[in-house]
PDB file of N, CA and C in Angstrom:
ATOM      1  N   UNK A   1     -12.681  13.584  43.954  1.00  0.00           N
ATOM      2  CA  UNK A   1     -13.313  13.413  45.027  1.00  0.00           C
ATOM      3  C   UNK A   1     -13.305  11.986  45.580  1.00  0.00           C
ATOM      4  N   UNK A   2     -12.913  11.733  46.925  1.00  0.00           N
ATOM      5  CA  UNK A   2     -12.576  10.352  47.286  1.00  0.00           C
ATOM      6  C   UNK A   2     -14.134   9.746  47.798  1.00  0.00           C
ATOM      7  N   UNK A   3     -14.284   8.629  47.288  1.00  0.00           N
ATOM      8  CA  UNK A   3     -15.678   7.862  47.605  1.00  0.00           C
ATOM      9  C   UNK A   3     -15.523   6.734  48.838  1.00  0.00           C
ATOM     10  N   UNK A   4     -14.441   6.690  49.485  1.00  0.00           N
ATOM     11  CA  UNK A   4     -14.213   5.712  50.251  1.00  0.00           C
ATOM     12  C   UNK A   4     -13.068   5.910  51.421  1.00  0.00           C
ATOM     13  N   UNK A   5     -13.108   5.529  52.323  1.00  0.00           N
ATOM     14  CA  UNK A   5     -12.040   5.815  53.570  1.00  0.00           C
ATOM     15  C   UNK A   5     -10.688   5.374  53.104  1.00  0.00           C
ATOM     16  N   UNK A   6      -9.850   6.193  53.060  1.00  0.00           N
ATOM     17  CA  UNK A   6      -8.358   5.769  52.830  1.00  0.00           C
ATOM     18  C   UNK A   6      -7.757   4.911  53.997  1.00  0.00           C
ATOM     19  N   UNK A   7      -6.758   4.296  53.605  1.00  0.00           N
ATOM     20  CA  UNK A   7      -5.856   3.676  54.554  1.00  0.00           C
ATOM     21  C   UNK A   7      -4.451   3.947  54.546  1.00  0.00           C
ATOM     22  N   UNK A   8      -3.772   3.616  55.469  1.00  0.00           N
ATOM     23  CA  UNK A   8      -2.390   3.980  55.618  1.00  0.00           C
ATOM     24  C   UNK A   8      -1.787   3.460  54.393  1.00  0.00           C
ATOM     25  N   UNK A   9      -2.032   2.484  53.825  1.00  0.00           N
ATOM     26  CA  UNK A   9      -1.422   2.028  52.650  1.00  0.00           C
ATOM     27  C   UNK A   9      -1.531   2.782  51.650  1.00  0.00           C
ATOM     28  N   UNK A  10      -2.698   3.326  51.213  1.00  0.00           N
ATOM     29  CA  UNK A  10      -3.037   4.174  50.200  1.00  0.00           C
ATOM     30  C   UNK A  10      -2.213   5.638  50.483  1.00  0.00           C
ATOM     31  N   UNK A  11      -1.980   5.947  51.701  1.00  0.00           N
ATOM     32  CA  UNK A  11      -1.444   7.306  52.103  1.00  0.00           C
ATOM     33  C   UNK A  11       0.190   6.933  51.843  1.00  0.00           C
ATOM     34  N   UNK A  12       0.628   5.755  52.280  1.00  0.00           N
ATOM     35  CA  UNK A  12       1.967   5.387  51.798  1.00  0.00           C
ATOM     36  C   UNK A  12       2.324   5.394  50.489  1.00  0.00           C
ATOM     37  N   UNK A  13       1.507   4.862  49.673  1.00  0.00           N
ATOM     38  CA  UNK A  13       1.655   4.625  48.071  1.00  0.00           C
ATOM     39  C   UNK A  13       1.268   5.712  47.142  1.00  0.00           C
ATOM     40  N   UNK A  14       0.891   6.913  47.927  1.00  0.00           N
ATOM     41  CA  UNK A  14       0.522   7.998  47.190  1.00  0.00           C
ATOM     42  C   UNK A  14       1.652   8.664  46.586  1.00  0.00           C
ATOM     43  N   UNK A  15       1.762   8.957  45.481  1.00  0.00           N
ATOM     44  CA  UNK A  15       2.888   9.556  44.529  1.00  0.00           C
ATOM     45  C   UNK A  15       2.458  10.723  43.798  1.00  0.00           C
ATOM     46  N   UNK A  16       3.418  11.530  43.560  1.00  0.00           N
ATOM     47  CA  UNK A  16       3.073  12.656  42.750  1.00  0.00           C
ATOM     48  C   UNK A  16       3.156  12.266  41.214  1.00  0.00           C
ATOM     49  N   UNK A  17       2.128  12.589  40.447  1.00  0.00           N
ATOM     50  CA  UNK A  17       2.017  12.100  39.015  1.00  0.00           C
ATOM     51  C   UNK A  17       3.087  13.097  38.319  1.00  0.00           C
ATOM     52  N   UNK A  18       3.476  12.578  37.168  1.00  0.00           N
ATOM     53  CA  UNK A  18       4.439  13.435  36.346  1.00  0.00           C
ATOM     54  C   UNK A  18       3.741  14.566  36.059  1.00  0.00           C
ATOM     55  N   UNK A  19       2.432  14.691  35.716  1.00  0.00           N
ATOM     56  CA  UNK A  19       1.788  16.010  35.272  1.00  0.00           C
ATOM     57  C   UNK A  19       1.074  16.757  36.429  1.00  0.00           C
ATOM     58  N   UNK A  20       1.374  16.328  37.553  1.00  0.00           N
ATOM     59  CA  UNK A  20       0.700  17.022  38.553  1.00  0.00           C
ATOM     60  C   UNK A  20       1.756  17.996  39.243  1.00  0.00           C
ATOM     61  N   UNK A  21       1.173  19.162  39.652  1.00  0.00           N
ATOM     62  CA  UNK A  21       2.045  20.193  40.263  1.00  0.00           C
ATOM     63  C   UNK A  21       2.287  19.710  41.797  1.00  0.00           C
ATOM     64  N   UNK A  22       3.217  20.322  42.432  1.00  0.00           N
ATOM     65  CA  UNK A  22       3.336  20.080  43.890  1.00  0.00           C
ATOM     66  C   UNK A  22       2.141  20.436  44.764  1.00  0.00           C
ATOM     67  N   UNK A  23       1.546  21.633  44.240  1.00  0.00           N
ATOM     68  CA  UNK A  23       0.198  21.961  45.019  1.00  0.00           C
ATOM     69  C   UNK A  23      -0.829  20.995  44.934  1.00  0.00           C
ATOM     70  N   UNK A  24      -0.866  20.499  43.722  1.00  0.00           N
ATOM     71  CA  UNK A  24      -1.947  19.540  43.416  1.00  0.00           C
ATOM     72  C   UNK A  24      -1.869  18.175  44.275  1.00  0.00           C
ATOM     73  N   UNK A  25      -0.494  17.761  44.170  1.00  0.00           N
ATOM     74  CA  UNK A  25      -0.192  16.506  45.093  1.00  0.00           C
ATOM     75  C   UNK A  25      -0.428  16.894  46.465  1.00  0.00           C
ATOM     76  N   UNK A  26      -0.145  18.049  47.058  1.00  0.00           N
ATOM     77  CA  UNK A  26      -0.299  18.411  48.398  1.00  0.00           C
ATOM     78  C   UNK A  26      -1.772  18.214  48.689  1.00  0.00           C
ATOM     79  N   UNK A  27      -2.562  18.850  47.837  1.00  0.00           N
ATOM     80  CA  UNK A  27      -4.081  18.808  48.139  1.00  0.00           C
ATOM     81  C   UNK A  27      -4.749  17.451  48.014  1.00  0.00           C
ATOM     82  N   UNK A  28      -4.147  16.756  47.069  1.00  0.00           N
ATOM     83  CA  UNK A  28      -4.704  15.322  47.068  1.00  0.00           C
ATOM     84  C   UNK A  28      -4.248  14.494  48.209  1.00  0.00           C
ATOM     85  N   UNK A  29      -3.090  14.683  48.536  1.00  0.00           N
ATOM     86  CA  UNK A  29      -2.299  13.858  49.740  1.00  0.00           C
ATOM     87  C   UNK A  29      -3.170  14.280  51.065  1.00  0.00           C
ATOM     88  N   UNK A  30      -3.577  15.655  50.989  1.00  0.00           N
ATOM     89  CA  UNK A  30      -4.135  16.058  52.359  1.00  0.00           C
ATOM     90  C   UNK A  30      -5.861  15.552  52.310  1.00  0.00           C
ATOM     91  N   UNK A  31      -6.363  15.397  51.313  1.00  0.00           N
ATOM     92  CA  UNK A  31      -7.609  14.771  51.212  1.00  0.00           C
ATOM     93  C   UNK A  31      -7.549  13.279  51.825  1.00  0.00           C
ATOM     94  N   UNK A  32      -6.564  12.520  51.277  1.00  0.00           N
ATOM     95  CA  UNK A  32      -6.316  11.195  51.777  1.00  0.00           C
ATOM     96  C   UNK A  32      -5.886  11.039  53.219  1.00  0.00           C
ATOM     97  N   UNK A  33      -5.267  12.025  53.637  1.00  0.00           N
ATOM     98  CA  UNK A  33      -4.729  12.036  55.113  1.00  0.00           C
ATOM     99  C   UNK A  33      -5.906  12.341  56.043  1.00  0.00           C
ATOM    100  N   UNK A  34      -6.775  13.114  55.653  1.00  0.00           N
ATOM    101  CA  UNK A  34      -7.855  13.643  56.546  1.00  0.00           C
ATOM    102  C   UNK A  34      -8.840  12.242  56.664  1.00  0.00           C
ATOM    103  N   UNK A  35      -8.568  11.248  56.030  1.00  0.00           N
ATOM    104  CA  UNK A  35      -9.349  10.158  56.249  1.00  0.00           C
ATOM    105  C   UNK A  35      -8.674   8.865  56.927  1.00  0.00           C
ATOM    106  N   UNK A  36      -7.508   9.139  57.169  1.00  0.00           N
ATOM    107  CA  UNK A  36      -6.723   8.196  57.849  1.00  0.00           C
ATOM    108  C   UNK A  36      -6.611   8.598  59.308  1.00  0.00           C
ATOM    109  N   UNK A  37      -7.060   7.561  60.177  1.00  0.00           N
ATOM    110  CA  UNK A  37      -6.902   7.814  61.566  1.00  0.00           C
ATOM    111  C   UNK A  37      -5.992   6.819  62.124  1.00  0.00           C
ATOM    112  N   UNK A  38      -5.403   7.114  63.342  1.00  0.00           N
ATOM    113  CA  UNK A  38      -4.463   6.425  63.908  1.00  0.00           C
ATOM    114  C   UNK A  38      -3.151   6.207  63.131  1.00  0.00           C
ATOM    115  N   UNK A  39      -2.532   7.577  62.873  1.00  0.00           N
ATOM    116  CA  UNK A  39      -1.291   7.705  62.183  1.00  0.00           C
ATOM    117  C   UNK A  39      -0.532   8.794  63.008  1.00  0.00           C
ATOM    118  N   UNK A  40       0.660   8.703  63.140  1.00  0.00           N
ATOM    119  CA  UNK A  40       1.488   9.683  63.808  1.00  0.00           C
ATOM    120  C   UNK A  40       2.102  10.680  62.833  1.00  0.00           C
ATOM    121  N   UNK A  41       2.448  11.966  63.190  1.00  0.00           N
ATOM    122  CA  UNK A  41       2.670  13.030  62.352  1.00  0.00           C
ATOM    123  C   UNK A  41       4.062  12.627  61.577  1.00  0.00           C
ATOM    124  N   UNK A  42       4.992  11.865  62.207  1.00  0.00           N
ATOM    125  CA  UNK A  42       6.223  11.607  61.488  1.00  0.00           C
ATOM    126  C   UNK A  42       5.905  10.609  60.303  1.00  0.00           C
ATOM    127  N   UNK A  43       4.955   9.609  60.422  1.00  0.00           N
ATOM    128  CA  UNK A  43       4.508   8.865  59.303  1.00  0.00           C
ATOM    129  C   UNK A  43       4.059   9.573  58.195  1.00  0.00           C
ATOM    130  N   UNK A  44       3.137  10.549  58.484  1.00  0.00           N
ATOM    131  CA  UNK A  44       2.524  11.400  57.590  1.00  0.00           C
ATOM    132  C   UNK A  44       3.687  11.991  56.666  1.00  0.00           C
ATOM    133  N   UNK A  45       4.520  12.786  57.434  1.00  0.00           N
ATOM    134  CA  UNK A  45       5.744  13.570  56.691  1.00  0.00           C
ATOM    135  C   UNK A  45       6.451  12.496  55.840  1.00  0.00           C
ATOM    136  N   UNK A  46       6.751  11.429  56.344  1.00  0.00           N
ATOM    137  CA  UNK A  46       7.720  10.455  55.619  1.00  0.00           C
ATOM    138  C   UNK A  46       6.908   9.996  54.510  1.00  0.00           C
ATOM    139  N   UNK A  47       5.504   9.643  54.490  1.00  0.00           N
ATOM    140  CA  UNK A  47       4.711   9.242  53.121  1.00  0.00           C
ATOM    141  C   UNK A  47       4.607  10.347  52.254  1.00  0.00           C
ATOM    142  N   UNK A  48       4.371  11.378  52.723  1.00  0.00           N
ATOM    143  CA  UNK A  48       4.371  12.638  51.691  1.00  0.00           C
ATOM    144  C   UNK A  48       5.903  12.887  51.067  1.00  0.00           C
ATOM    145  N   UNK A  49       6.716  12.757  51.848  1.00  0.00           N
ATOM    146  CA  UNK A  49       8.117  12.969  51.328  1.00  0.00           C
ATOM    147  C   UNK A  49       8.519  12.000  50.274  1.00  0.00           C
ATOM    148  N   UNK A  50       8.272  10.848  50.534  1.00  0.00           N
ATOM    149  CA  UNK A  50       8.645   9.640  49.825  1.00  0.00           C
ATOM    150  C   UNK A  50       7.712   9.649  48.366  1.00  0.00           C
ATOM    151  N   UNK A  51       6.713  10.444  48.343  1.00  0.00           N
ATOM    152  CA  UNK A  51       5.830  10.553  47.100  1.00  0.00           C
ATOM    153  C   UNK A  51       6.106  11.700  46.164  1.00  0.00           C
ATOM    154  N   UNK A  52       7.128  12.577  46.612  1.00  0.00           N
ATOM    155  CA  UNK A  52       7.378  13.789  45.684  1.00  0.00           C
ATOM    156  C   UNK A  52       8.367  13.359  44.623  1.00  0.00           C
ATOM    157  N   UNK A  53       7.900  13.784  43.460  1.00  0.00           N
ATOM    158  CA  UNK A  53       8.718  13.511  42.060  1.00  0.00           C
ATOM    159  C   UNK A  53      10.017  14.238  41.927  1.00  0.00           C
ATOM    160  N   UNK A  54      10.142  15.255  42.548  1.00  0.00           N
ATOM    161  CA  UNK A  54      11.498  15.962  42.167  1.00  0.00           C
ATOM    162  C   UNK A  54      12.420  16.092  43.553  1.00  0.00           C
ATOM    163  N   UNK A  55      13.726  15.584  43.314  1.00  0.00           N
ATOM    164  CA  UNK A  55      14.587  15.570  44.416  1.00  0.00           C
ATOM    165  C   UNK A  55      14.700  16.779  45.128  1.00  0.00           C
ATOM    166  N   UNK A  56      14.943  17.904  44.452  1.00  0.00           N
ATOM    167  CA  UNK A  56      15.103  19.174  44.944  1.00  0.00           C
ATOM    168  C   UNK A  56      13.878  19.613  45.971  1.00  0.00           C
ATOM    169  N   UNK A  57      12.703  19.337  45.651  1.00  0.00           N
ATOM    170  CA  UNK A  57      11.620  19.360  46.446  1.00  0.00           C
ATOM    171  C   UNK A  57      11.741  18.674  47.747  1.00  0.00           C
ATOM    172  N   UNK A  58      12.120  17.369  47.456  1.00  0.00           N
ATOM    173  CA  UNK A  58      12.122  16.375  48.718  1.00  0.00           C
ATOM    174  C   UNK A  58      13.376  16.959  49.546  1.00  0.00           C
ATOM    175  N   UNK A  59      14.505  17.538  49.002  1.00  0.00           N
ATOM    176  CA  UNK A  59      15.562  17.996  49.839  1.00  0.00           C
ATOM    177  C   UNK A  59      15.086  19.256  50.606  1.00  0.00           C
ATOM    178  N   UNK A  60      14.201  20.113  50.024  1.00  0.00           N
ATOM    179  CA  UNK A  60      13.752  21.347  50.631  1.00  0.00           C
ATOM    180  C   UNK A  60      13.013  20.929  51.782  1.00  0.00           C
ATOM    181  N   UNK A  61      12.192  20.051  51.556  1.00  0.00           N
ATOM    182  CA  UNK A  61      11.233  19.655  52.659  1.00  0.00           C
ATOM    183  C   UNK A  61      12.035  19.118  53.809  1.00  0.00           C
ATOM    184  N   UNK A  62      12.944  18.372  53.676  1.00  0.00           N
ATOM    185  CA  UNK A  62      13.730  17.667  54.560  1.00  0.00           C
ATOM    186  C   UNK A  62      14.647  18.792  55.116  1.00  0.00           C
ATOM    187  N   UNK A  63      15.193  19.676  54.610  1.00  0.00           N
ATOM    188  CA  UNK A  63      16.068  20.727  55.077  1.00  0.00           C
ATOM    189  C   UNK A  63      15.194  21.333  56.183  1.00  0.00           C
ATOM    190  N   UNK A  64      13.857  21.564  56.284  1.00  0.00           N
ATOM    191  CA  UNK A  64      13.231  22.255  57.240  1.00  0.00           C
ATOM    192  C   UNK A  64      12.964  21.240  58.377  1.00  0.00           C
ATOM    193  N   UNK A  65      13.109  20.116  58.286  1.00  0.00           N
ATOM    194  CA  UNK A  65      13.164  18.953  59.417  1.00  0.00           C
ATOM    195  C   UNK A  65      11.752  19.301  60.292  1.00  0.00           C
ATOM    196  N   UNK A  66      10.517  19.252  59.573  1.00  0.00           N
ATOM    197  CA  UNK A  66       9.396  19.288  60.345  1.00  0.00           C
ATOM    198  C   UNK A  66       9.257  18.051  61.225  1.00  0.00           C
ATOM    199  N   UNK A  67       8.885  18.379  62.292  1.00  0.00           N
ATOM    200  CA  UNK A  67       8.498  17.296  63.382  1.00  0.00           C
ATOM    201  C   UNK A  67       7.099  17.221  63.750  1.00  0.00           C
ATOM    202  N   UNK A  68       6.282  18.208  63.374  1.00  0.00           N
ATOM    203  CA  UNK A  68       4.849  17.908  63.784  1.00  0.00           C
ATOM    204  C   UNK A  68       4.075  18.270  62.442  1.00  0.00           C
ATOM    205  N   UNK A  69       2.760  17.740  62.611  1.00  0.00           N
ATOM    206  CA  UNK A  69       1.935  18.182  61.533  1.00  0.00           C
ATOM    207  C   UNK A  69       1.885  19.607  61.067  1.00  0.00           C
ATOM    208  N   UNK A  70       1.811  20.649  62.037  1.00  0.00           N
ATOM    209  CA  UNK A  70       1.840  22.141  61.991  1.00  0.00           C
ATOM    210  C   UNK A  70       3.135  22.562  61.155  1.00  0.00           C
ATOM    211  N   UNK A  71       4.333  22.002  61.687  1.00  0.00           N
ATOM    212  CA  UNK A  71       5.472  22.314  61.047  1.00  0.00           C
ATOM    213  C   UNK A  71       5.331  21.888  59.741  1.00  0.00           C
ATOM    214  N   UNK A  72       4.971  20.767  59.356  1.00  0.00           N
ATOM    215  CA  UNK A  72       5.013  20.173  57.993  1.00  0.00           C
ATOM    216  C   UNK A  72       4.032  20.943  57.127  1.00  0.00           C
ATOM    217  N   UNK A  73       3.012  21.286  57.523  1.00  0.00           N
ATOM    218  CA  UNK A  73       2.112  21.974  56.814  1.00  0.00           C
ATOM    219  C   UNK A  73       2.648  23.499  56.386  1.00  0.00           C
ATOM    220  N   UNK A  74       3.242  24.009  57.511  1.00  0.00           N
ATOM    221  CA  UNK A  74       3.775  25.256  57.302  1.00  0.00           C
ATOM    222  C   UNK A  74       4.789  25.301  56.210  1.00  0.00           C
ATOM    223  N   UNK A  75       5.838  24.288  56.245  1.00  0.00           N
ATOM    224  CA  UNK A  75       6.939  24.180  55.291  1.00  0.00           C
ATOM    225  C   UNK A  75       6.307  23.842  53.869  1.00  0.00           C
ATOM    226  N   UNK A  76       5.400  23.111  53.712  1.00  0.00           N
ATOM    227  CA  UNK A  76       4.694  22.621  52.314  1.00  0.00           C
ATOM    228  C   UNK A  76       4.070  23.927  51.758  1.00  0.00           C
ATOM    229  N   UNK A  77       3.359  24.843  52.749  1.00  0.00           N
ATOM    230  CA  UNK A  77       2.787  26.044  52.213  1.00  0.00           C
ATOM    231  C   UNK A  77       3.844  27.005  51.822  1.00  0.00           C
ATOM    232  N   UNK A  78       5.003  27.129  52.499  1.00  0.00           N
ATOM    233  CA  UNK A  78       5.883  28.126  52.125  1.00  0.00           C
ATOM    234  C   UNK A  78       6.454  27.521  50.797  1.00  0.00           C
ATOM    235  N   UNK A  79       6.602  26.463  50.476  1.00  0.00           N
ATOM    236  CA  UNK A  79       7.333  25.621  49.284  1.00  0.00           C
ATOM    237  C   UNK A  79       6.228  26.181  47.998  1.00  0.00           C
ATOM    238  N   UNK A  80       4.935  26.054  48.333  1.00  0.00           N
ATOM    239  CA  UNK A  80       4.071  26.447  47.456  1.00  0.00           C
ATOM    240  C   UNK A  80       4.219  27.912  47.053  1.00  0.00           C
ATOM    241  N   UNK A  81       4.028  28.691  48.066  1.00  0.00           N
ATOM    242  CA  UNK A  81       4.033  30.132  47.979  1.00  0.00           C
ATOM    243  C   UNK A  81       5.243  30.569  47.094  1.00  0.00           C
ATOM    244  N   UNK A  82       6.473  29.956  47.444  1.00  0.00           N
ATOM    245  CA  UNK A  82       7.628  30.245  46.830  1.00  0.00           C
ATOM    246  C   UNK A  82       7.465  29.992  45.389  1.00  0.00           C
ATOM    247  N   UNK A  83       6.980  28.787  44.863  1.00  0.00           N
ATOM    248  CA  UNK A  83       7.046  28.482  43.658  1.00  0.00           C
ATOM    249  C   UNK A  83       6.082  29.458  42.828  1.00  0.00           C
ATOM    250  N   UNK A  84       4.886  29.720  43.431  1.00  0.00           N
ATOM    251  CA  UNK A  84       3.936  30.652  42.931  1.00  0.00           C
ATOM    252  C   UNK A  84       4.504  32.025  42.662  1.00  0.00           C
ATOM    253  N   UNK A  85       5.443  32.520  43.437  1.00  0.00           N
ATOM    254  CA  UNK A  85       6.075  33.687  43.364  1.00  0.00           C
ATOM    255  C   UNK A  85       7.144  33.795  42.174  1.00  0.00           C
ATOM    256  N   UNK A  86       7.699  32.708  41.988  1.00  0.00           N
ATOM    257  CA  UNK A  86       8.685  32.412  40.868  1.00  0.00           C
ATOM    258  C   UNK A  86       7.922  32.463  39.591  1.00  0.00           C
ATOM    259  N   UNK A  87       6.779  32.026  39.427  1.00  0.00           N
ATOM    260  CA  UNK A  87       5.909  31.929  38.210  1.00  0.00           C
ATOM    261  C   UNK A  87       5.730  33.314  37.591  1.00  0.00           C
ATOM    262  N   UNK A  88       5.582  34.241  38.571  1.00  0.00           N
ATOM    263  CA  UNK A  88       4.912  35.629  38.199  1.00  0.00           C
ATOM    264  C   UNK A  88       6.114  36.590  37.772  1.00  0.00           C
TER     265      UNK A  88
END
């Protein structure tokens, strides 16, 4: 739980931890994002992408070429769902 308003710098420097799943990273990033105002969709997508620990996840995200926050959210949710299906 966050106890202060996040800044664009915190969002930009948010990185997926080695022991953190993609889904956990996404949820933490989304918490930070919800507290940052005055930021455009492209910056949000860029900051999230730059924090991903695995190159293949980064490439998959870039392959879908999300332009808006809605496109981005949809792409990430597809990636999470796909990963969950492969675990079963």
